[in-house]
């Protein structure tokens, strides 16, 4: 399905990029990580929607790793 010449997959990719960009404008680190994690989930979805897993796998791996790092720092207790 296409809308304005773009597929749903492409819209997800653009939205993921926008979320990551927005996350870098945040001053509050917790909000930055939450918005960035949203971008990661969208990029992971985008990676799975790629025509072949060979194309999407690097996107999936990188964003799963970034997501895990964000979870780690959000749940890490400061002493």
PDB file of N, CA and C in Angstrom:
ATOM      1  N   UNK A   1       0.833  -1.177   0.000  1.00  0.00           N
ATOM      2  CA  UNK A   1       0.000   0.000   0.000  1.00  0.00           C
ATOM      3  C   UNK A   1       0.883   1.249   0.000  1.00  0.00           C
ATOM      4  N   UNK A   2       0.543   2.193  -0.837  1.00  0.00           N
ATOM      5  CA  UNK A   2       1.312   3.426  -0.933  1.00  0.00           C
ATOM      6  C   UNK A   2       0.424   4.634  -0.677  1.00  0.00           C
ATOM      7  N   UNK A   3       1.013   5.639  -0.065  1.00  0.00           N
ATOM      8  CA  UNK A   3       0.352   6.907   0.159  1.00  0.00           C
ATOM      9  C   UNK A   3       1.354   7.996  -0.184  1.00  0.00           C
ATOM     10  N   UNK A   4       1.007   8.828  -1.158  1.00  0.00           N
ATOM     11  CA  UNK A   4       1.906   9.875  -1.648  1.00  0.00           C
ATOM     12  C   UNK A   4       3.224   9.290  -2.148  1.00  0.00           C
ATOM     13  N   UNK A   5       3.172   8.112  -2.736  1.00  0.00           N
ATOM     14  CA  UNK A   5       4.358   7.490  -3.320  1.00  0.00           C
ATOM     15  C   UNK A   5       5.278   6.787  -2.339  1.00  0.00           C
ATOM     16  N   UNK A   6       4.890   6.705  -1.065  1.00  0.00           N
ATOM     17  CA  UNK A   6       5.712   6.029  -0.061  1.00  0.00           C
ATOM     18  C   UNK A   6       4.951   4.833   0.494  1.00  0.00           C
ATOM     19  N   UNK A   7       5.683   3.776   0.782  1.00  0.00           N
ATOM     20  CA  UNK A   7       5.075   2.598   1.384  1.00  0.00           C
ATOM     21  C   UNK A   7       4.988   2.780   2.901  1.00  0.00           C
ATOM     22  N   UNK A   8       4.203   1.931   3.545  1.00  0.00           N
ATOM     23  CA  UNK A   8       4.094   1.958   5.002  1.00  0.00           C
ATOM     24  C   UNK A   8       5.468   1.734   5.624  1.00  0.00           C
ATOM     25  N   UNK A   9       6.234   0.846   5.046  1.00  0.00           N
ATOM     26  CA  UNK A   9       7.590   0.570   5.548  1.00  0.00           C
ATOM     27  C   UNK A   9       8.439   1.842   5.537  1.00  0.00           C
ATOM     28  N   UNK A  10       8.362   2.596   4.446  1.00  0.00           N
ATOM     29  CA  UNK A  10       9.136   3.837   4.358  1.00  0.00           C
ATOM     30  C   UNK A  10       8.671   4.860   5.389  1.00  0.00           C
ATOM     31  N   UNK A  11       7.366   4.955   5.604  1.00  0.00           N
ATOM     32  CA  UNK A  11       6.858   5.868   6.628  1.00  0.00           C
ATOM     33  C   UNK A  11       7.379   5.486   8.009  1.00  0.00           C
ATOM     34  N   UNK A  12       7.429   4.203   8.300  1.00  0.00           N
ATOM     35  CA  UNK A  12       7.956   3.748   9.589  1.00  0.00           C
ATOM     36  C   UNK A  12       9.423   4.144   9.723  1.00  0.00           C
ATOM     37  N   UNK A  13      10.191   3.976   8.652  1.00  0.00           N
ATOM     38  CA  UNK A  13      11.603   4.364   8.664  1.00  0.00           C
ATOM     39  C   UNK A  13      11.790   5.854   8.894  1.00  0.00           C
ATOM     40  N   UNK A  14      10.999   6.674   8.220  1.00  0.00           N
ATOM     41  CA  UNK A  14      11.085   8.124   8.404  1.00  0.00           C
ATOM     42  C   UNK A  14      10.658   8.530   9.814  1.00  0.00           C
ATOM     43  N   UNK A  15       9.614   7.905  10.323  1.00  0.00           N
ATOM     44  CA  UNK A  15       9.154   8.203  11.680  1.00  0.00           C
ATOM     45  C   UNK A  15      10.220   7.802  12.706  1.00  0.00           C
ATOM     46  N   UNK A  16      10.861   6.665  12.483  1.00  0.00           N
ATOM     47  CA  UNK A  16      11.936   6.225  13.372  1.00  0.00           C
ATOM     48  C   UNK A  16      13.075   7.244  13.379  1.00  0.00           C
ATOM     49  N   UNK A  17      13.451   7.707  12.210  1.00  0.00           N
ATOM     50  CA  UNK A  17      14.520   8.717  12.110  1.00  0.00           C
ATOM     51  C   UNK A  17      14.127   9.998  12.830  1.00  0.00           C
ATOM     52  N   UNK A  18      12.881  10.405  12.666  1.00  0.00           N
ATOM     53  CA  UNK A  18      12.393  11.618  13.330  1.00  0.00           C
ATOM     54  C   UNK A  18      12.449  11.466  14.848  1.00  0.00           C
ATOM     55  N   UNK A  19      12.060  10.307  15.352  1.00  0.00           N
ATOM     56  CA  UNK A  19      12.080  10.081  16.801  1.00  0.00           C
ATOM     57  C   UNK A  19      13.510  10.148  17.349  1.00  0.00           C
ATOM     58  N   UNK A  20      14.447   9.561  16.636  1.00  0.00           N
ATOM     59  CA  UNK A  20      15.849   9.609  17.078  1.00  0.00           C
ATOM     60  C   UNK A  20      16.340  11.058  17.044  1.00  0.00           C
ATOM     61  N   UNK A  21      16.001  11.789  15.999  1.00  0.00           N
ATOM     62  CA  UNK A  21      16.391  13.196  15.904  1.00  0.00           C
ATOM     63  C   UNK A  21      15.800  14.002  17.063  1.00  0.00           C
ATOM     64  N   UNK A  22      14.531  13.809  17.334  1.00  0.00           N
ATOM     65  CA  UNK A  22      13.869  14.516  18.439  1.00  0.00           C
ATOM     66  C   UNK A  22      14.532  14.180  19.773  1.00  0.00           C
ATOM     67  N   UNK A  23      14.930  12.920  19.938  1.00  0.00           N
ATOM     68  CA  UNK A  23      15.546  12.520  21.208  1.00  0.00           C
ATOM     69  C   UNK A  23      16.822  13.308  21.487  1.00  0.00           C
ATOM     70  N   UNK A  24      17.535  13.705  20.444  1.00  0.00           N
ATOM     71  CA  UNK A  24      18.775  14.452  20.638  1.00  0.00           C
ATOM     72  C   UNK A  24      18.539  15.924  20.960  1.00  0.00           C
ATOM     73  N   UNK A  25      17.301  16.370  20.914  1.00  0.00           N
ATOM     74  CA  UNK A  25      16.993  17.746  21.294  1.00  0.00           C
ATOM     75  C   UNK A  25      16.556  17.843  22.748  1.00  0.00           C
ATOM     76  N   UNK A  26      16.422  16.716  23.419  1.00  0.00           N
ATOM     77  CA  UNK A  26      15.921  16.683  24.791  1.00  0.00           C
ATOM     78  C   UNK A  26      17.028  17.036  25.783  1.00  0.00           C
ATOM     79  N   UNK A  27      16.656  17.803  26.788  1.00  0.00           N
ATOM     80  CA  UNK A  27      17.594  18.118  27.868  1.00  0.00           C
ATOM     81  C   UNK A  27      17.478  17.101  29.003  1.00  0.00           C
ATOM     82  N   UNK A  28      16.273  16.596  29.220  1.00  0.00           N
ATOM     83  CA  UNK A  28      16.028  15.604  30.263  1.00  0.00           C
ATOM     84  C   UNK A  28      16.464  14.230  29.736  1.00  0.00           C
ATOM     85  N   UNK A  29      17.460  13.641  30.395  1.00  0.00           N
ATOM     86  CA  UNK A  29      18.036  12.385  29.924  1.00  0.00           C
ATOM     87  C   UNK A  29      17.018  11.249  29.926  1.00  0.00           C
ATOM     88  N   UNK A  30      16.131  11.219  30.904  1.00  0.00           N
ATOM     89  CA  UNK A  30      15.117  10.153  30.960  1.00  0.00           C
ATOM     90  C   UNK A  30      14.188  10.252  29.747  1.00  0.00           C
ATOM     91  N   UNK A  31      13.737  11.460  29.438  1.00  0.00           N
ATOM     92  CA  UNK A  31      12.874  11.656  28.270  1.00  0.00           C
ATOM     93  C   UNK A  31      13.630  11.316  26.986  1.00  0.00           C
ATOM     94  N   UNK A  32      14.905  11.718  26.917  1.00  0.00           N
ATOM     95  CA  UNK A  32      15.737  11.402  25.757  1.00  0.00           C
ATOM     96  C   UNK A  32      15.752   9.905  25.520  1.00  0.00           C
ATOM     97  N   UNK A  33      16.007   9.152  26.572  1.00  0.00           N
ATOM     98  CA  UNK A  33      16.085   7.692  26.434  1.00  0.00           C
ATOM     99  C   UNK A  33      14.744   7.087  26.035  1.00  0.00           C
ATOM    100  N   UNK A  34      13.648   7.587  26.598  1.00  0.00           N
ATOM    101  CA  UNK A  34      12.325   7.052  26.264  1.00  0.00           C
ATOM    102  C   UNK A  34      11.953   7.339  24.803  1.00  0.00           C
ATOM    103  N   UNK A  35      12.230   8.537  24.350  1.00  0.00           N
ATOM    104  CA  UNK A  35      11.941   8.881  22.953  1.00  0.00           C
ATOM    105  C   UNK A  35      12.864   8.091  22.032  1.00  0.00           C
ATOM    106  N   UNK A  36      14.131   7.957  22.420  1.00  0.00           N
ATOM    107  CA  UNK A  36      15.077   7.187  21.616  1.00  0.00           C
ATOM    108  C   UNK A  36      14.662   5.722  21.537  1.00  0.00           C
ATOM    109  N   UNK A  37      14.141   5.176  22.637  1.00  0.00           N
ATOM    110  CA  UNK A  37      13.678   3.793  22.639  1.00  0.00           C
ATOM    111  C   UNK A  37      12.494   3.616  21.687  1.00  0.00           C
ATOM    112  N   UNK A  38      11.637   4.623  21.607  1.00  0.00           N
ATOM    113  CA  UNK A  38      10.531   4.580  20.650  1.00  0.00           C
ATOM    114  C   UNK A  38      11.085   4.513  19.230  1.00  0.00           C
ATOM    115  N   UNK A  39      12.100   5.330  18.960  1.00  0.00           N
ATOM    116  CA  UNK A  39      12.762   5.279  17.652  1.00  0.00           C
ATOM    117  C   UNK A  39      13.378   3.911  17.388  1.00  0.00           C
ATOM    118  N   UNK A  40      13.976   3.313  18.418  1.00  0.00           N
ATOM    119  CA  UNK A  40      14.564   1.976  18.274  1.00  0.00           C
ATOM    120  C   UNK A  40      13.513   0.942  17.897  1.00  0.00           C
ATOM    121  N   UNK A  41      12.379   0.980  18.599  1.00  0.00           N
ATOM    122  CA  UNK A  41      11.302   0.024  18.305  1.00  0.00           C
ATOM    123  C   UNK A  41      10.825   0.205  16.863  1.00  0.00           C
ATOM    124  N   UNK A  42      10.692   1.448  16.441  1.00  0.00           N
ATOM    125  CA  UNK A  42      10.271   1.709  15.060  1.00  0.00           C
ATOM    126  C   UNK A  42      11.323   1.212  14.067  1.00  0.00           C
ATOM    127  N   UNK A  43      12.605   1.428  14.369  1.00  0.00           N
ATOM    128  CA  UNK A  43      13.659   0.941  13.482  1.00  0.00           C
ATOM    129  C   UNK A  43      13.711  -0.585  13.445  1.00  0.00           C
ATOM    130  N   UNK A  44      13.461  -1.230  14.575  1.00  0.00           N
ATOM    131  CA  UNK A  44      13.421  -2.696  14.606  1.00  0.00           C
ATOM    132  C   UNK A  44      12.272  -3.187  13.730  1.00  0.00           C
ATOM    133  N   UNK A  45      11.127  -2.553  13.851  1.00  0.00           N
ATOM    134  CA  UNK A  45       9.984  -2.885  13.001  1.00  0.00           C
ATOM    135  C   UNK A  45      10.331  -2.671  11.534  1.00  0.00           C
ATOM    136  N   UNK A  46      10.951  -1.542  11.252  1.00  0.00           N
ATOM    137  CA  UNK A  46      11.390  -1.216   9.891  1.00  0.00           C
ATOM    138  C   UNK A  46      12.329  -2.300   9.357  1.00  0.00           C
ATOM    139  N   UNK A  47      13.263  -2.736  10.192  1.00  0.00           N
ATOM    140  CA  UNK A  47      14.210  -3.774   9.779  1.00  0.00           C
ATOM    141  C   UNK A  47      13.510  -5.077   9.416  1.00  0.00           C
ATOM    142  N   UNK A  48      12.496  -5.448  10.200  1.00  0.00           N
ATOM    143  CA  UNK A  48      11.754  -6.675   9.896  1.00  0.00           C
ATOM    144  C   UNK A  48      10.897  -6.537   8.642  1.00  0.00           C
ATOM    145  N   UNK A  49      10.522  -5.319   8.294  1.00  0.00           N
ATOM    146  CA  UNK A  49       9.693  -5.097   7.111  1.00  0.00           C
ATOM    147  C   UNK A  49      10.503  -4.938   5.819  1.00  0.00           C
ATOM    148  N   UNK A  50      11.815  -4.917   5.943  1.00  0.00           N
ATOM    149  CA  UNK A  50      12.666  -4.814   4.754  1.00  0.00           C
ATOM    150  C   UNK A  50      12.414  -6.022   3.847  1.00  0.00           C
ATOM    151  N   UNK A  51      12.638  -5.842   2.544  1.00  0.00           N
ATOM    152  CA  UNK A  51      12.354  -6.934   1.592  1.00  0.00           C
ATOM    153  C   UNK A  51      13.092  -8.233   1.910  1.00  0.00           C
ATOM    154  N   UNK A  52      14.306  -8.129   2.408  1.00  0.00           N
ATOM    155  CA  UNK A  52      15.048  -9.329   2.807  1.00  0.00           C
ATOM    156  C   UNK A  52      15.664  -9.092   4.182  1.00  0.00           C
ATOM    157  N   UNK A  53      15.790 -10.143   4.952  1.00  0.00           N
ATOM    158  CA  UNK A  53      16.401 -10.028   6.271  1.00  0.00           C
ATOM    159  C   UNK A  53      17.860  -9.597   6.154  1.00  0.00           C
ATOM    160  N   UNK A  54      18.486  -9.918   5.040  1.00  0.00           N
ATOM    161  CA  UNK A  54      19.882  -9.529   4.817  1.00  0.00           C
ATOM    162  C   UNK A  54      20.045  -8.012   4.867  1.00  0.00           C
ATOM    163  N   UNK A  55      19.043  -7.304   4.388  1.00  0.00           N
ATOM    164  CA  UNK A  55      19.081  -5.836   4.429  1.00  0.00           C
ATOM    165  C   UNK A  55      18.700  -5.331   5.824  1.00  0.00           C
ATOM    166  N   UNK A  56      17.697  -5.930   6.425  1.00  0.00           N
ATOM    167  CA  UNK A  56      17.177  -5.447   7.695  1.00  0.00           C
ATOM    168  C   UNK A  56      17.950  -5.863   8.922  1.00  0.00           C
ATOM    169  N   UNK A  57      18.705  -6.951   8.850  1.00  0.00           N
ATOM    170  CA  UNK A  57      19.381  -7.485  10.031  1.00  0.00           C
ATOM    171  C   UNK A  57      20.338  -6.490  10.707  1.00  0.00           C
ATOM    172  N   UNK A  58      21.179  -5.765   9.981  1.00  0.00           N
ATOM    173  CA  UNK A  58      22.046  -4.788  10.663  1.00  0.00           C
ATOM    174  C   UNK A  58      21.246  -3.701  11.396  1.00  0.00           C
ATOM    175  N   UNK A  59      20.132  -3.290  10.826  1.00  0.00           N
ATOM    176  CA  UNK A  59      19.266  -2.286  11.459  1.00  0.00           C
ATOM    177  C   UNK A  59      18.679  -2.865  12.743  1.00  0.00           C
ATOM    178  N   UNK A  60      18.227  -4.104  12.678  1.00  0.00           N
ATOM    179  CA  UNK A  60      17.632  -4.769  13.839  1.00  0.00           C
ATOM    180  C   UNK A  60      18.661  -4.931  14.950  1.00  0.00           C
ATOM    181  N   UNK A  61      19.826  -5.455  14.614  1.00  0.00           N
ATOM    182  CA  UNK A  61      20.868  -5.711  15.616  1.00  0.00           C
ATOM    183  C   UNK A  61      21.291  -4.419  16.313  1.00  0.00           C
ATOM    184  N   UNK A  62      21.577  -3.383  15.544  1.00  0.00           N
ATOM    185  CA  UNK A  62      22.033  -2.113  16.124  1.00  0.00           C
ATOM    186  C   UNK A  62      20.977  -1.521  17.052  1.00  0.00           C
ATOM    187  N   UNK A  63      19.725  -1.551  16.642  1.00  0.00           N
ATOM    188  CA  UNK A  63      18.686  -0.920  17.442  1.00  0.00           C
ATOM    189  C   UNK A  63      18.274  -1.744  18.647  1.00  0.00           C
ATOM    190  N   UNK A  64      18.381  -3.053  18.571  1.00  0.00           N
ATOM    191  CA  UNK A  64      18.164  -3.878  19.765  1.00  0.00           C
ATOM    192  C   UNK A  64      19.253  -3.558  20.789  1.00  0.00           C
ATOM    193  N   UNK A  65      20.496  -3.418  20.332  1.00  0.00           N
ATOM    194  CA  UNK A  65      21.601  -3.088  21.238  1.00  0.00           C
ATOM    195  C   UNK A  65      21.401  -1.719  21.884  1.00  0.00           C
ATOM    196  N   UNK A  66      21.008  -0.725  21.105  1.00  0.00           N
ATOM    197  CA  UNK A  66      20.760   0.617  21.646  1.00  0.00           C
ATOM    198  C   UNK A  66      19.595   0.588  22.629  1.00  0.00           C
ATOM    199  N   UNK A  67      18.558  -0.167  22.303  1.00  0.00           N
ATOM    200  CA  UNK A  67      17.402  -0.304  23.189  1.00  0.00           C
ATOM    201  C   UNK A  67      17.840  -0.891  24.533  1.00  0.00           C
ATOM    202  N   UNK A  68      18.663  -1.928  24.502  1.00  0.00           N
ATOM    203  CA  UNK A  68      19.149  -2.565  25.733  1.00  0.00           C
ATOM    204  C   UNK A  68      19.985  -1.586  26.553  1.00  0.00           C
ATOM    205  N   UNK A  69      20.834  -0.810  25.897  1.00  0.00           N
ATOM    206  CA  UNK A  69      21.642   0.194  26.603  1.00  0.00           C
ATOM    207  C   UNK A  69      20.726   1.217  27.284  1.00  0.00           C
ATOM    208  N   UNK A  70      19.701   1.669  26.572  1.00  0.00           N
ATOM    209  CA  UNK A  70      18.747   2.619  27.158  1.00  0.00           C
ATOM    210  C   UNK A  70      18.042   2.021  28.367  1.00  0.00           C
ATOM    211  N   UNK A  71      17.608   0.774  28.266  1.00  0.00           N
ATOM    212  CA  UNK A  71      16.963   0.092  29.407  1.00  0.00           C
ATOM    213  C   UNK A  71      17.927   0.015  30.589  1.00  0.00           C
ATOM    214  N   UNK A  72      19.170  -0.348  30.300  1.00  0.00           N
ATOM    215  CA  UNK A  72      20.180  -0.463  31.359  1.00  0.00           C
ATOM    216  C   UNK A  72      20.307   0.850  32.128  1.00  0.00           C
ATOM    217  N   UNK A  73      20.484   1.948  31.414  1.00  0.00           N
ATOM    218  CA  UNK A  73      20.684   3.225  32.085  1.00  0.00           C
ATOM    219  C   UNK A  73      19.412   3.768  32.733  1.00  0.00           C
ATOM    220  N   UNK A  74      18.258   3.416  32.198  1.00  0.00           N
ATOM    221  CA  UNK A  74      17.009   3.853  32.840  1.00  0.00           C
ATOM    222  C   UNK A  74      16.744   3.104  34.144  1.00  0.00           C
ATOM    223  N   UNK A  75      17.202   1.864  34.227  1.00  0.00           N
ATOM    224  CA  UNK A  75      16.933   1.061  35.421  1.00  0.00           C
ATOM    225  C   UNK A  75      18.110   1.028  36.399  1.00  0.00           C
ATOM    226  N   UNK A  76      19.251   1.547  35.986  1.00  0.00           N
ATOM    227  CA  UNK A  76      20.442   1.546  36.831  1.00  0.00           C
ATOM    228  C   UNK A  76      20.202   2.450  38.040  1.00  0.00           C
ATOM    229  N   UNK A  77      20.526   1.908  39.191  1.00  0.00           N
ATOM    230  CA  UNK A  77      20.376   2.690  40.408  1.00  0.00           C
ATOM    231  C   UNK A  77      21.648   3.511  40.643  1.00  0.00           C
ATOM    232  N   UNK A  78      21.448   4.778  40.935  1.00  0.00           N
ATOM    233  CA  UNK A  78      22.597   5.633  41.217  1.00  0.00           C
ATOM    234  C   UNK A  78      22.907   5.561  42.700  1.00  0.00           C
ATOM    235  N   UNK A  79      24.193   5.537  43.009  1.00  0.00           N
ATOM    236  CA  UNK A  79      24.595   5.437  44.421  1.00  0.00           C
ATOM    237  C   UNK A  79      25.303   6.685  44.873  1.00  0.00           C
TER     238      UNK A  79
END
